Amino acid sequence: MAIKMKTVVTYRATAQCPTHSRTEIPVRDLHVVIDEPLERDGTNLGPTPTEAAMTALIACTNVIGHKNAHRLGVELGEVTIDADCKFDRRGVLMQEEIDVPFPAITLTVNCKTEASQADLDHVGVETAKYCAIAKLFSAAGTDLTVNWVKID
């Protein structure tokens, strides 16, 4: 008898908040710290919440991109991802409510590979279908562009 994996799971965490700016969140056997820089009275022990959101997008693109490349038989080779993220800080500065705090994000996925540009484009299309964090940003109204680029 085959074991059926759950398709919907529940994540739970209880975070400790030792300062106004630092949040310590247990995840699996890891200790995640989200913090503010010293100039904003933080302890600079981790990324800010908004930096963590951007880095989550980059990481999700990497993970889901590689899964799709494997599924499609495409070798991505050496990968780097450049991010250009526009962030409207008026909300976090308490100046006014902002409906779309990240109005535009462009990721460039650079692949030093023997694969064709067409193969990379196909990986990109498939990755857009499955990257949960990209879907969150897009659903929130962010103009998200992800370019998959072949580097010779």
N, C-alpha and C. Protein backbone atom coordinates (compact mmCIF):
# COMPACT_ATOMS: atom_id res chain seq x y z
N MET A 1 0.84 -1.19 0.00
CA MET A 1 0.00 0.00 0.00
C MET A 1 0.89 1.25 0.00
N ALA A 2 0.61 2.15 -0.93
CA ALA A 2 1.40 3.38 -1.04
C ALA A 2 0.96 4.38 0.03
N ILE A 3 1.92 5.12 0.52
CA ILE A 3 1.63 6.17 1.50
C ILE A 3 1.32 7.44 0.74
N LYS A 4 0.18 8.04 1.04
CA LYS A 4 -0.21 9.27 0.37
C LYS A 4 0.25 10.47 1.20
N MET A 5 1.01 11.36 0.55
CA MET A 5 1.48 12.57 1.24
C MET A 5 0.34 13.57 1.37
N LYS A 6 0.34 14.29 2.48
CA LYS A 6 -0.64 15.36 2.68
C LYS A 6 -0.33 16.49 1.70
N THR A 7 -1.37 17.05 1.10
CA THR A 7 -1.15 18.17 0.18
C THR A 7 -1.25 19.52 0.89
N VAL A 8 -1.94 19.55 2.01
CA VAL A 8 -2.01 20.78 2.80
C VAL A 8 -1.51 20.46 4.20
N VAL A 9 -0.53 21.22 4.63
CA VAL A 9 0.04 21.03 5.96
C VAL A 9 -0.12 22.33 6.74
N THR A 10 0.02 22.24 8.04
CA THR A 10 -0.06 23.42 8.90
C THR A 10 1.31 23.68 9.51
N TYR A 11 1.82 24.88 9.30
CA TYR A 11 3.05 25.30 9.95
C TYR A 11 2.67 26.00 11.24
N ARG A 12 3.38 25.69 12.30
CA ARG A 12 3.15 26.38 13.57
C ARG A 12 4.50 26.80 14.14
N ALA A 13 4.51 27.93 14.79
CA ALA A 13 5.72 28.40 15.47
C ALA A 13 5.30 29.33 16.59
N THR A 14 6.09 29.34 17.64
CA THR A 14 5.92 30.32 18.71
C THR A 14 7.21 31.10 18.79
N ALA A 15 7.13 32.37 18.42
CA ALA A 15 8.31 33.21 18.36
C ALA A 15 8.54 33.90 19.70
N GLN A 16 9.80 34.08 20.02
CA GLN A 16 10.19 34.90 21.17
C GLN A 16 10.55 36.28 20.63
N CYS A 17 10.17 37.31 21.37
CA CYS A 17 10.41 38.69 20.96
C CYS A 17 11.18 39.41 22.06
N PRO A 18 12.50 39.15 22.15
CA PRO A 18 13.28 39.69 23.26
C PRO A 18 13.48 41.20 23.23
N THR A 19 13.31 41.81 22.06
CA THR A 19 13.39 43.27 21.97
C THR A 19 12.28 43.75 21.05
N HIS A 20 12.14 45.06 20.93
CA HIS A 20 11.13 45.64 20.04
C HIS A 20 11.40 45.30 18.58
N SER A 21 12.65 44.96 18.25
CA SER A 21 13.00 44.76 16.85
C SER A 21 13.42 43.33 16.51
N ARG A 22 13.80 42.55 17.50
CA ARG A 22 14.31 41.20 17.22
C ARG A 22 13.22 40.17 17.49
N THR A 23 13.05 39.28 16.53
CA THR A 23 12.11 38.18 16.65
C THR A 23 12.89 36.89 16.40
N GLU A 24 12.78 35.96 17.33
CA GLU A 24 13.49 34.68 17.22
C GLU A 24 12.45 33.59 17.01
N ILE A 25 12.55 32.92 15.86
CA ILE A 25 11.52 31.97 15.45
C ILE A 25 12.13 30.58 15.27
N PRO A 26 11.66 29.60 16.04
CA PRO A 26 12.13 28.24 15.80
C PRO A 26 11.47 27.66 14.55
N VAL A 27 12.28 27.12 13.66
CA VAL A 27 11.79 26.47 12.45
C VAL A 27 12.54 25.15 12.33
N ARG A 28 11.80 24.03 12.40
CA ARG A 28 12.41 22.70 12.45
C ARG A 28 13.44 22.71 13.58
N ASP A 29 14.69 22.40 13.27
CA ASP A 29 15.75 22.42 14.29
C ASP A 29 16.63 23.67 14.14
N LEU A 30 16.08 24.68 13.50
CA LEU A 30 16.82 25.92 13.25
C LEU A 30 16.31 27.04 14.14
N HIS A 31 17.12 28.05 14.27
CA HIS A 31 16.80 29.23 15.07
C HIS A 31 16.89 30.44 14.13
N VAL A 32 15.76 30.91 13.64
CA VAL A 32 15.72 32.02 12.69
C VAL A 32 15.59 33.33 13.46
N VAL A 33 16.42 34.30 13.10
CA VAL A 33 16.36 35.62 13.74
C VAL A 33 16.06 36.66 12.66
N ILE A 34 15.01 37.43 12.92
CA ILE A 34 14.66 38.58 12.09
C ILE A 34 14.88 39.80 12.98
N ASP A 35 15.55 40.82 12.44
CA ASP A 35 15.96 41.94 13.28
C ASP A 35 16.05 43.21 12.45
N GLU A 36 16.31 44.29 13.11
CA GLU A 36 16.54 45.58 12.48
C GLU A 36 18.01 45.95 12.63
N PRO A 37 18.54 46.78 11.74
CA PRO A 37 19.94 47.21 11.86
C PRO A 37 20.14 48.13 13.06
N LEU A 38 21.39 48.31 13.44
CA LEU A 38 21.73 49.15 14.59
C LEU A 38 21.17 50.56 14.46
N GLU A 39 21.22 51.12 13.25
CA GLU A 39 20.76 52.51 13.06
C GLU A 39 19.25 52.66 13.27
N ARG A 40 18.52 51.55 13.33
CA ARG A 40 17.09 51.61 13.66
C ARG A 40 16.84 50.97 15.02
N ASP A 41 17.84 51.04 15.86
CA ASP A 41 17.77 50.54 17.24
C ASP A 41 17.57 49.03 17.34
N GLY A 42 18.01 48.31 16.33
CA GLY A 42 17.99 46.85 16.39
C GLY A 42 19.32 46.32 16.87
N THR A 43 19.45 45.00 16.85
CA THR A 43 20.72 44.38 17.25
C THR A 43 21.45 43.77 16.06
N ASN A 44 20.88 43.92 14.85
CA ASN A 44 21.52 43.52 13.61
C ASN A 44 21.92 42.04 13.58
N LEU A 45 21.10 41.18 14.19
CA LEU A 45 21.42 39.76 14.22
C LEU A 45 20.77 38.97 13.07
N GLY A 46 20.04 39.66 12.22
CA GLY A 46 19.41 39.00 11.09
C GLY A 46 18.82 40.02 10.15
N PRO A 47 18.25 39.55 9.04
CA PRO A 47 17.63 40.47 8.09
C PRO A 47 16.38 41.10 8.69
N THR A 48 15.98 42.23 8.13
CA THR A 48 14.70 42.84 8.51
C THR A 48 13.56 41.98 7.95
N PRO A 49 12.34 42.18 8.41
CA PRO A 49 11.23 41.42 7.84
C PRO A 49 11.10 41.60 6.33
N THR A 50 11.29 42.82 5.84
CA THR A 50 11.15 43.05 4.41
C THR A 50 12.32 42.45 3.63
N GLU A 51 13.52 42.50 4.19
CA GLU A 51 14.66 41.82 3.55
C GLU A 51 14.43 40.31 3.53
N ALA A 52 13.86 39.77 4.59
CA ALA A 52 13.57 38.34 4.64
C ALA A 52 12.56 37.95 3.56
N ALA A 53 11.58 38.83 3.30
CA ALA A 53 10.61 38.55 2.24
C ALA A 53 11.30 38.48 0.88
N MET A 54 12.19 39.43 0.61
CA MET A 54 12.90 39.43 -0.67
C MET A 54 13.81 38.21 -0.79
N THR A 55 14.52 37.89 0.28
CA THR A 55 15.42 36.73 0.21
C THR A 55 14.64 35.43 0.08
N ALA A 56 13.44 35.39 0.66
CA ALA A 56 12.59 34.20 0.49
C ALA A 56 12.20 34.03 -0.97
N LEU A 57 11.91 35.13 -1.66
CA LEU A 57 11.58 35.07 -3.08
C LEU A 57 12.76 34.54 -3.89
N ILE A 58 13.95 35.05 -3.60
CA ILE A 58 15.15 34.58 -4.32
C ILE A 58 15.37 33.10 -4.07
N ALA A 59 15.28 32.68 -2.81
CA ALA A 59 15.51 31.28 -2.47
C ALA A 59 14.46 30.36 -3.08
N CYS A 60 13.20 30.79 -3.07
CA CYS A 60 12.13 29.97 -3.65
C CYS A 60 12.36 29.81 -5.16
N THR A 61 12.77 30.88 -5.81
CA THR A 61 13.06 30.83 -7.25
C THR A 61 14.18 29.83 -7.52
N ASN A 62 15.20 29.83 -6.67
CA ASN A 62 16.30 28.88 -6.81
C ASN A 62 15.82 27.44 -6.63
N VAL A 63 15.12 27.17 -5.54
CA VAL A 63 14.69 25.80 -5.22
C VAL A 63 13.71 25.28 -6.27
N ILE A 64 12.66 26.03 -6.55
CA ILE A 64 11.64 25.57 -7.49
C ILE A 64 12.19 25.56 -8.91
N GLY A 65 13.07 26.50 -9.23
CA GLY A 65 13.72 26.50 -10.54
C GLY A 65 14.52 25.23 -10.75
N HIS A 66 15.31 24.83 -9.76
CA HIS A 66 16.09 23.61 -9.88
C HIS A 66 15.20 22.37 -9.96
N LYS A 67 14.12 22.35 -9.18
CA LYS A 67 13.19 21.20 -9.26
C LYS A 67 12.59 21.08 -10.65
N ASN A 68 12.18 22.22 -11.22
CA ASN A 68 11.61 22.19 -12.57
C ASN A 68 12.66 21.83 -13.61
N ALA A 69 13.85 22.35 -13.47
CA ALA A 69 14.92 22.01 -14.42
C ALA A 69 15.17 20.51 -14.39
N HIS A 70 15.24 19.93 -13.21
CA HIS A 70 15.46 18.48 -13.08
C HIS A 70 14.32 17.72 -13.75
N ARG A 71 13.09 18.14 -13.47
CA ARG A 71 11.92 17.48 -14.05
C ARG A 71 11.93 17.57 -15.57
N LEU A 72 12.43 18.67 -16.12
CA LEU A 72 12.45 18.89 -17.56
C LEU A 72 13.73 18.39 -18.22
N GLY A 73 14.68 17.88 -17.43
CA GLY A 73 15.93 17.40 -17.98
C GLY A 73 16.87 18.51 -18.43
N VAL A 74 16.79 19.65 -17.77
CA VAL A 74 17.63 20.80 -18.13
C VAL A 74 18.68 20.99 -17.03
N GLU A 75 19.95 21.04 -17.42
CA GLU A 75 21.03 21.28 -16.46
C GLU A 75 21.26 22.79 -16.38
N LEU A 76 21.02 23.37 -15.21
CA LEU A 76 21.15 24.82 -15.06
C LEU A 76 22.60 25.27 -14.91
N GLY A 77 23.49 24.38 -14.52
CA GLY A 77 24.88 24.76 -14.32
C GLY A 77 25.03 25.67 -13.11
N GLU A 78 25.98 26.57 -13.20
CA GLU A 78 26.23 27.51 -12.10
C GLU A 78 25.18 28.62 -12.15
N VAL A 79 24.50 28.83 -11.03
CA VAL A 79 23.39 29.79 -11.00
C VAL A 79 23.69 30.92 -10.01
N THR A 80 23.43 32.14 -10.43
CA THR A 80 23.39 33.29 -9.53
C THR A 80 22.07 34.01 -9.82
N ILE A 81 21.54 34.67 -8.80
CA ILE A 81 20.28 35.40 -8.98
C ILE A 81 20.48 36.83 -8.50
N ASP A 82 20.26 37.77 -9.43
CA ASP A 82 20.32 39.19 -9.10
C ASP A 82 18.90 39.68 -8.83
N ALA A 83 18.74 40.50 -7.81
CA ALA A 83 17.42 41.04 -7.47
C ALA A 83 17.46 42.56 -7.51
N ASP A 84 16.43 43.14 -8.09
CA ASP A 84 16.20 44.58 -8.07
C ASP A 84 14.80 44.76 -7.52
N CYS A 85 14.72 45.18 -6.26
CA CYS A 85 13.45 45.20 -5.53
C CYS A 85 13.10 46.63 -5.14
N LYS A 86 12.00 47.14 -5.65
CA LYS A 86 11.51 48.46 -5.26
C LYS A 86 10.63 48.28 -4.02
N PHE A 87 10.91 49.04 -2.97
CA PHE A 87 10.18 48.93 -1.71
C PHE A 87 9.71 50.31 -1.29
N ASP A 88 8.41 50.47 -1.17
CA ASP A 88 7.82 51.75 -0.74
C ASP A 88 7.77 51.75 0.78
N ARG A 89 8.66 52.48 1.40
CA ARG A 89 8.85 52.48 2.86
C ARG A 89 7.84 53.34 3.61
N ARG A 90 6.97 54.06 2.90
CA ARG A 90 6.05 54.94 3.61
C ARG A 90 5.20 54.18 4.63
N GLY A 91 4.86 52.94 4.33
CA GLY A 91 4.06 52.16 5.28
C GLY A 91 4.82 51.84 6.55
N VAL A 92 6.02 51.29 6.43
CA VAL A 92 6.79 50.92 7.63
C VAL A 92 7.27 52.14 8.39
N LEU A 93 7.30 53.29 7.73
CA LEU A 93 7.65 54.54 8.41
C LEU A 93 6.42 55.20 9.04
N MET A 94 5.27 54.53 8.93
CA MET A 94 4.01 55.00 9.51
C MET A 94 3.55 56.32 8.91
N GLN A 95 3.97 56.61 7.67
CA GLN A 95 3.55 57.84 7.01
C GLN A 95 2.16 57.71 6.40
N GLU A 96 1.90 56.54 5.78
CA GLU A 96 0.59 56.25 5.22
C GLU A 96 0.49 54.77 4.88
N GLU A 97 -0.73 54.29 4.81
CA GLU A 97 -0.95 52.89 4.44
C GLU A 97 -0.62 52.71 2.96
N ILE A 98 0.12 51.65 2.67
CA ILE A 98 0.53 51.37 1.29
C ILE A 98 -0.07 50.03 0.88
N ASP A 99 -0.87 50.02 -0.19
CA ASP A 99 -1.50 48.78 -0.63
C ASP A 99 -0.50 47.79 -1.22
N VAL A 100 0.50 48.29 -1.96
CA VAL A 100 1.50 47.42 -2.59
C VAL A 100 2.88 47.91 -2.16
N PRO A 101 3.39 47.41 -1.02
CA PRO A 101 4.67 47.90 -0.53
C PRO A 101 5.86 47.57 -1.43
N PHE A 102 5.74 46.50 -2.20
CA PHE A 102 6.78 46.14 -3.16
C PHE A 102 6.19 46.33 -4.56
N PRO A 103 6.25 47.54 -5.12
CA PRO A 103 5.58 47.77 -6.41
C PRO A 103 6.22 47.02 -7.58
N ALA A 104 7.52 46.78 -7.52
CA ALA A 104 8.17 46.10 -8.64
C ALA A 104 9.40 45.34 -8.15
N ILE A 105 9.50 44.11 -8.64
CA ILE A 105 10.69 43.30 -8.37
C ILE A 105 11.10 42.65 -9.68
N THR A 106 12.38 42.74 -9.99
CA THR A 106 12.94 42.03 -11.13
C THR A 106 14.04 41.11 -10.63
N LEU A 107 13.89 39.83 -10.94
CA LEU A 107 14.95 38.86 -10.67
C LEU A 107 15.57 38.47 -11.99
N THR A 108 16.89 38.35 -11.99
CA THR A 108 17.60 37.83 -13.15
C THR A 108 18.32 36.57 -12.71
N VAL A 109 17.88 35.45 -13.26
CA VAL A 109 18.47 34.15 -12.94
C VAL A 109 19.53 33.88 -13.99
N ASN A 110 20.80 34.00 -13.61
CA ASN A 110 21.92 33.81 -14.52
C ASN A 110 22.39 32.36 -14.44
N CYS A 111 22.38 31.68 -15.57
CA CYS A 111 22.76 30.27 -15.61
C CYS A 111 23.94 30.08 -16.55
N LYS A 112 25.06 29.67 -15.98
CA LYS A 112 26.23 29.34 -16.80
C LYS A 112 26.07 27.88 -17.18
N THR A 113 25.52 27.66 -18.37
CA THR A 113 25.05 26.33 -18.73
C THR A 113 25.21 26.06 -20.22
N GLU A 114 25.16 24.78 -20.54
CA GLU A 114 25.14 24.36 -21.94
C GLU A 114 23.70 24.34 -22.48
N ALA A 115 22.72 24.45 -21.60
CA ALA A 115 21.32 24.44 -22.02
C ALA A 115 21.03 25.64 -22.92
N SER A 116 20.02 25.49 -23.76
CA SER A 116 19.65 26.58 -24.67
C SER A 116 18.83 27.64 -23.91
N GLN A 117 18.76 28.83 -24.50
CA GLN A 117 17.92 29.88 -23.92
C GLN A 117 16.46 29.44 -23.91
N ALA A 118 16.04 28.72 -24.94
CA ALA A 118 14.66 28.21 -24.99
C ALA A 118 14.39 27.27 -23.82
N ASP A 119 15.36 26.41 -23.49
CA ASP A 119 15.20 25.51 -22.34
C ASP A 119 15.07 26.31 -21.05
N LEU A 120 15.90 27.35 -20.89
CA LEU A 120 15.84 28.18 -19.69
C LEU A 120 14.50 28.92 -19.61
N ASP A 121 14.02 29.40 -20.75
CA ASP A 121 12.71 30.07 -20.77
C ASP A 121 11.62 29.12 -20.31
N HIS A 122 11.70 27.85 -20.75
CA HIS A 122 10.72 26.84 -20.35
C HIS A 122 10.78 26.59 -18.85
N VAL A 123 11.99 26.49 -18.31
CA VAL A 123 12.15 26.34 -16.86
C VAL A 123 11.53 27.55 -16.14
N GLY A 124 11.73 28.73 -16.67
CA GLY A 124 11.17 29.94 -16.07
C GLY A 124 9.65 29.94 -16.06
N VAL A 125 9.04 29.53 -17.16
CA VAL A 125 7.58 29.46 -17.24
C VAL A 125 7.05 28.46 -16.21
N GLU A 126 7.69 27.31 -16.11
CA GLU A 126 7.25 26.29 -15.15
C GLU A 126 7.48 26.75 -13.70
N THR A 127 8.58 27.42 -13.47
CA THR A 127 8.89 27.90 -12.12
C THR A 127 7.84 28.91 -11.67
N ALA A 128 7.40 29.78 -12.57
CA ALA A 128 6.38 30.77 -12.23
C ALA A 128 5.08 30.11 -11.79
N LYS A 129 4.81 28.92 -12.28
CA LYS A 129 3.59 28.20 -11.92
C LYS A 129 3.63 27.67 -10.49
N TYR A 130 4.84 27.39 -9.98
CA TYR A 130 4.96 26.64 -8.74
C TYR A 130 5.67 27.35 -7.59
N CYS A 131 6.30 28.48 -7.81
CA CYS A 131 7.02 29.18 -6.75
C CYS A 131 6.02 29.90 -5.84
N ALA A 132 5.84 29.37 -4.64
CA ALA A 132 4.83 29.89 -3.71
C ALA A 132 5.08 31.35 -3.35
N ILE A 133 6.34 31.73 -3.15
CA ILE A 133 6.64 33.10 -2.74
C ILE A 133 6.40 34.07 -3.90
N ALA A 134 6.75 33.66 -5.11
CA ALA A 134 6.46 34.50 -6.28
C ALA A 134 4.96 34.71 -6.42
N LYS A 135 4.19 33.67 -6.17
CA LYS A 135 2.73 33.79 -6.25
C LYS A 135 2.20 34.76 -5.20
N LEU A 136 2.79 34.74 -3.99
CA LEU A 136 2.37 35.70 -2.96
C LEU A 136 2.60 37.13 -3.41
N PHE A 137 3.80 37.41 -3.93
CA PHE A 137 4.10 38.77 -4.39
C PHE A 137 3.18 39.19 -5.53
N SER A 138 3.00 38.31 -6.50
CA SER A 138 2.14 38.64 -7.64
C SER A 138 0.70 38.89 -7.20
N ALA A 139 0.19 38.03 -6.31
CA ALA A 139 -1.19 38.19 -5.83
C ALA A 139 -1.35 39.49 -5.04
N ALA A 140 -0.27 39.97 -4.43
CA ALA A 140 -0.31 41.22 -3.66
C ALA A 140 -0.25 42.45 -4.56
N GLY A 141 -0.04 42.25 -5.86
CA GLY A 141 0.00 43.38 -6.78
C GLY A 141 1.38 43.80 -7.22
N THR A 142 2.42 43.08 -6.79
CA THR A 142 3.78 43.41 -7.22
C THR A 142 3.95 43.08 -8.69
N ASP A 143 4.57 43.99 -9.43
CA ASP A 143 4.94 43.73 -10.82
C ASP A 143 6.23 42.91 -10.76
N LEU A 144 6.08 41.59 -10.83
CA LEU A 144 7.21 40.68 -10.68
C LEU A 144 7.66 40.20 -12.05
N THR A 145 8.92 40.42 -12.34
CA THR A 145 9.53 39.96 -13.59
C THR A 145 10.70 39.06 -13.23
N VAL A 146 10.72 37.87 -13.81
CA VAL A 146 11.84 36.95 -13.59
C VAL A 146 12.41 36.59 -14.96
N ASN A 147 13.65 37.00 -15.18
CA ASN A 147 14.34 36.73 -16.43
C ASN A 147 15.35 35.61 -16.23
N TRP A 148 15.27 34.58 -17.06
CA TRP A 148 16.22 33.46 -17.02
C TRP A 148 17.20 33.70 -18.17
N VAL A 149 18.50 33.84 -17.82
CA VAL A 149 19.50 34.28 -18.79
C VAL A 149 20.62 33.24 -18.91
N LYS A 150 20.91 32.87 -20.15
CA LYS A 150 22.01 31.96 -20.42
C LYS A 150 23.30 32.76 -20.45
N ILE A 151 24.27 32.32 -19.65
CA ILE A 151 25.59 32.95 -19.61
C ILE A 151 26.57 31.97 -20.25
N ASP A 152 27.31 32.45 -21.23
CA ASP A 152 28.29 31.58 -21.91
C ASP A 152 29.60 31.53 -21.16
